[in-house]
C-alpha atoms as a PDB file:
ATOM      1  CA  SER A   1    -130.664  -1.455-240.806  1.00  0.00           C
ATOM      2  CA  MET A   2    -130.457   1.039-237.957  1.00  0.00           C
ATOM      3  CA  PRO A   3    -127.846   0.478-235.226  1.00  0.00           C
ATOM      4  CA  PRO A   4    -129.492  -0.345-231.899  1.00  0.00           C
ATOM      5  CA  PRO A   5    -129.984   2.702-229.643  1.00  0.00           C
ATOM      6  CA  PRO A   6    -127.155   3.143-227.125  1.00  0.00           C
ATOM      7  CA  VAL A   7    -127.801   1.690-223.682  1.00  0.00           C
ATOM      8  CA  PRO A   8    -128.063   4.560-221.185  1.00  0.00           C
ATOM      9  CA  PRO A   9    -125.391   4.477-218.470  1.00  0.00           C
ATOM     10  CA  PRO A  10    -126.629   3.511-214.984  1.00  0.00           C
ATOM     11  CA  PRO A  11    -127.528   6.446-212.711  1.00  0.00           C
ATOM     12  CA  VAL A  12    -124.569   7.884-210.821  1.00  0.00           C
ATOM     13  CA  ASP A  13    -126.116   6.955-207.483  1.00  0.00           C
ATOM     14  CA  GLU A  14    -126.214   3.298-208.462  1.00  0.00           C
ATOM     15  CA  VAL A  15    -122.572   3.351-209.476  1.00  0.00           C
ATOM     16  CA  LYS A  16    -121.603   5.080-206.212  1.00  0.00           C
ATOM     17  CA  LYS A  17    -123.510   2.471-204.225  1.00  0.00           C
ATOM     18  CA  ASP A  18    -121.638  -0.268-206.045  1.00  0.00           C
ATOM     19  CA  LEU A  19    -118.312   1.381-205.311  1.00  0.00           C
ATOM     20  CA  GLN A  20    -119.140   1.635-201.600  1.00  0.00           C
ATOM     21  CA  ARG A  21    -120.149  -1.991-201.326  1.00  0.00           C
ATOM     22  CA  PRO A  22    -117.414  -3.943-199.509  1.00  0.00           C
ATOM     23  CA  PRO A  23    -115.819  -6.565-201.737  1.00  0.00           C
ATOM     24  CA  PRO A  24    -116.864 -10.127-200.918  1.00  0.00           C
ATOM     25  CA  PRO A  25    -114.488 -11.709-198.398  1.00  0.00           C
ATOM     26  CA  GLN A  26    -111.722 -13.571-200.186  1.00  0.00           C
ATOM     27  CA  SER A  27    -111.647 -17.107-198.922  1.00  0.00           C
ATOM     28  CA  LEU A  28    -108.242 -18.717-198.668  1.00  0.00           C
ATOM     29  CA  GLU A  29    -109.572 -21.908-200.177  1.00  0.00           C
ATOM     30  CA  PRO A  30    -108.992 -21.956-203.907  1.00  0.00           C
ATOM     31  CA  ASP A  31    -112.218 -22.181-205.856  1.00  0.00           C
ATOM     32  CA  PRO A  32    -113.032 -25.782-206.599  1.00  0.00           C
ATOM     33  CA  PRO A  33    -112.727 -26.390-210.316  1.00  0.00           C
ATOM     34  CA  VAL A  34    -116.139 -26.190-211.929  1.00  0.00           C
ATOM     35  CA  THR A  35    -116.101 -29.743-213.086  1.00  0.00           C
ATOM     36  CA  ALA A  36    -117.911 -32.692-211.895  1.00  0.00           C
ATOM     37  CA  GLN A  37    -119.995 -31.659-208.863  1.00  0.00           C
ATOM     38  CA  ASP A  38    -122.313 -29.338-210.814  1.00  0.00           C
ATOM     39  CA  ASP A  39    -121.523 -31.440-213.798  1.00  0.00           C
ATOM     40  CA  ALA A  40    -122.952 -34.597-212.276  1.00  0.00           C
ATOM     41  CA  ALA A  41    -126.416 -33.041-212.096  1.00  0.00           C
ATOM     42  CA  ILE A  42    -126.166 -31.708-215.646  1.00  0.00           C
ATOM     43  CA  LEU A  43    -124.877 -35.062-216.761  1.00  0.00           C
ATOM     44  CA  ARG A  44    -127.849 -36.907-215.297  1.00  0.00           C
ATOM     45  CA  GLN A  45    -130.297 -34.662-217.162  1.00  0.00           C
ATOM     46  CA  PHE A  46    -128.190 -35.004-220.258  1.00  0.00           C
ATOM     47  CA  LEU A  47    -128.222 -38.791-219.985  1.00  0.00           C
ATOM     48  CA  LYS A  48    -132.013 -38.787-219.657  1.00  0.00           C
ATOM     49  CA  ALA A  49    -132.306 -36.817-222.893  1.00  0.00           C
ATOM     50  CA  ALA A  50    -129.614 -38.963-224.432  1.00  0.00           C
ATOM     51  CA  GLN A  51    -131.639 -42.148-224.072  1.00  0.00           C
ATOM     52  CA  GLN A  52    -133.430 -40.918-227.206  1.00  0.00           C
ATOM     53  CA  LEU A  53    -130.192 -41.040-229.224  1.00  0.00           C
ATOM     54  CA  SER A  54    -128.674 -43.879-231.192  1.00  0.00           C
ATOM     55  CA  GLN A  55    -125.642 -45.623-229.678  1.00  0.00           C
ATOM     56  CA  ASP A  56    -123.297 -43.908-232.131  1.00  0.00           C
ATOM     57  CA  GLU A  57    -124.679 -40.425-231.503  1.00  0.00           C
ATOM     58  CA  MET A  58    -124.538 -41.077-227.803  1.00  0.00           C
ATOM     59  CA  ARG A  59    -120.930 -42.214-227.933  1.00  0.00           C
ATOM     60  CA  GLU A  60    -119.902 -39.189-229.983  1.00  0.00           C
ATOM     61  CA  ILE A  61    -121.519 -36.734-227.569  1.00  0.00           C
ATOM     62  CA  VAL A  62    -120.074 -38.500-224.543  1.00  0.00           C
ATOM     63  CA  GLU A  63    -116.570 -38.603-226.072  1.00  0.00           C
ATOM     64  CA  ASP A  64    -116.792 -34.867-226.821  1.00  0.00           C
ATOM     65  CA  HIS A  65    -117.970 -34.114-223.318  1.00  0.00           C
ATOM     66  CA  VAL A  66    -115.198 -36.158-221.706  1.00  0.00           C
ATOM     67  CA  ASN A  67    -112.522 -34.678-223.986  1.00  0.00           C
ATOM     68  CA  THR A  68    -113.691 -31.180-223.028  1.00  0.00           C
ATOM     69  CA  GLU A  69    -113.528 -32.069-219.333  1.00  0.00           C
ATOM     70  CA  LEU A  70    -110.032 -33.526-219.747  1.00  0.00           C
ATOM     71  CA  ALA A  71    -108.885 -30.362-221.504  1.00  0.00           C
ATOM     72  CA  VAL A  72    -110.216 -28.299-218.591  1.00  0.00           C
ATOM     73  CA  ILE A  73    -108.388 -30.498-216.086  1.00  0.00           C
ATOM     74  CA  ARG A  74    -105.137 -30.257-218.077  1.00  0.00           C
ATOM     75  CA  ARG A  75    -105.299 -26.459-217.748  1.00  0.00           C
ATOM     76  CA  LEU A  76    -105.641 -26.558-213.959  1.00  0.00           C
ATOM     77  CA  PRO A  77    -102.596 -26.039-211.739  1.00  0.00           C
ATOM     78  CA  THR A  78    -100.889 -29.411-211.258  1.00  0.00           C
ATOM     79  CA  ASP A  79    -101.919 -29.681-207.599  1.00  0.00           C
ATOM     80  CA  GLN A  80    -105.630 -29.298-208.453  1.00  0.00           C
ATOM     81  CA  ARG A  81    -105.702 -31.928-211.178  1.00  0.00           C
ATOM     82  CA  PRO A  82    -105.930 -35.132-209.082  1.00  0.00           C
ATOM     83  CA  GLN A  83    -109.134 -34.058-207.281  1.00  0.00           C
ATOM     84  CA  ALA A  84    -110.788 -32.867-210.503  1.00  0.00           C
ATOM     85  CA  PHE A  85    -109.755 -36.053-212.287  1.00  0.00           C
ATOM     86  CA  ARG A  86    -111.108 -38.258-209.473  1.00  0.00           C
ATOM     87  CA  THR A  87    -114.412 -36.394-209.581  1.00  0.00           C
ATOM     88  CA  LEU A  88    -114.662 -36.836-213.343  1.00  0.00           C
ATOM     89  CA  CYS A  89    -113.908 -40.565-213.064  1.00  0.00           C
ATOM     90  CA  ALA A  90    -116.455 -40.973-210.277  1.00  0.00           C
ATOM     91  CA  GLY A  91    -119.119 -39.429-212.528  1.00  0.00           C
ATOM     92  CA  TRP A  92    -118.433 -42.070-215.181  1.00  0.00           C
ATOM     93  CA  HIS A  93    -118.387 -45.042-212.852  1.00  0.00           C
ATOM     94  CA  PRO A  94    -120.708 -47.645-214.428  1.00  0.00           C
ATOM     95  CA  ASP A  95    -122.763 -47.814-211.200  1.00  0.00           C
ATOM     96  CA  LYS A  96    -123.527 -44.096-211.630  1.00  0.00           C
ATOM     97  CA  CYS A  97    -124.690 -44.517-215.227  1.00  0.00           C
ATOM     98  CA  PRO A  98    -126.991 -47.533-215.197  1.00  0.00           C
ATOM     99  CA  GLY A  99    -128.687 -46.491-218.441  1.00  0.00           C
ATOM    100  CA  ILE A 100    -125.412 -46.657-220.347  1.00  0.00           C
ATOM    101  CA  SER A 101    -123.244 -48.841-218.165  1.00  0.00           C
ATOM    102  CA  GLY A 102    -121.476 -50.372-221.181  1.00  0.00           C
ATOM    103  CA  LEU A 103    -120.409 -47.003-222.552  1.00  0.00           C
ATOM    104  CA  ALA A 104    -119.660 -45.728-219.045  1.00  0.00           C
ATOM    105  CA  THR A 105    -117.348 -48.712-218.473  1.00  0.00           C
ATOM    106  CA  GLU A 106    -115.443 -47.875-221.663  1.00  0.00           C
ATOM    107  CA  ILE A 107    -115.129 -44.203-220.712  1.00  0.00           C
ATOM    108  CA  PHE A 108    -114.131 -45.091-217.157  1.00  0.00           C
ATOM    109  CA  GLN A 109    -111.412 -47.456-218.384  1.00  0.00           C
ATOM    110  CA  ARG A 110    -110.205 -44.928-220.941  1.00  0.00           C
ATOM    111  CA  LEU A 111    -109.949 -42.280-218.199  1.00  0.00           C
ATOM    112  CA  GLN A 112    -107.935 -44.662-216.026  1.00  0.00           C
ATOM    113  CA  SER A 113    -105.558 -45.358-218.904  1.00  0.00           C
ATOM    114  CA  GLN A 114    -105.046 -41.608-219.483  1.00  0.00           C
ATOM    115  CA  LYS A 115    -104.510 -40.778-215.825  1.00  0.00           C
ATOM    116  CA  THR A 116    -100.745 -40.361-215.978  1.00  0.00           C
ATOM    117  CA  MET A 117    -100.959 -38.119-219.020  1.00  0.00           C
ATOM    118  CA  VAL A 118    -103.684 -35.944-217.531  1.00  0.00           C
ATOM    119  CA  LEU A 119    -102.079 -35.550-214.115  1.00  0.00           C
ATOM    120  CA  GLY A 120     -98.486 -35.233-215.327  1.00  0.00           C
ATOM    121  CA  ALA A 121     -96.883 -31.848-215.722  1.00  0.00           C
ATOM    122  CA  ARG A 122     -96.838 -30.486-219.257  1.00  0.00           C
END
């Protein structure tokens, strides 16, 4: 099969314009970790779709999701972990997940039991 044709470089004027653009102002606030705020909205959509799944499939997906989030939090600088962890826990509070409050309770309790490990230094 033929290799795809090369992508032409952008016109020089465009590149120059980009170079002249002032960089965005650097805020002194560190970026909030991209966990649970945006995640809460995604999670709600995900939970809607998930109502179609069996309990076991649901649990497996939820466990994977939570493990991924915990891994992300573990990689944050130590001082950013507590906020990210609180946000994650809040998202799994049974009141926030009425459709799966039983599973949410389990996840919530599991998160609480792992708190020291997650927040502790490596």
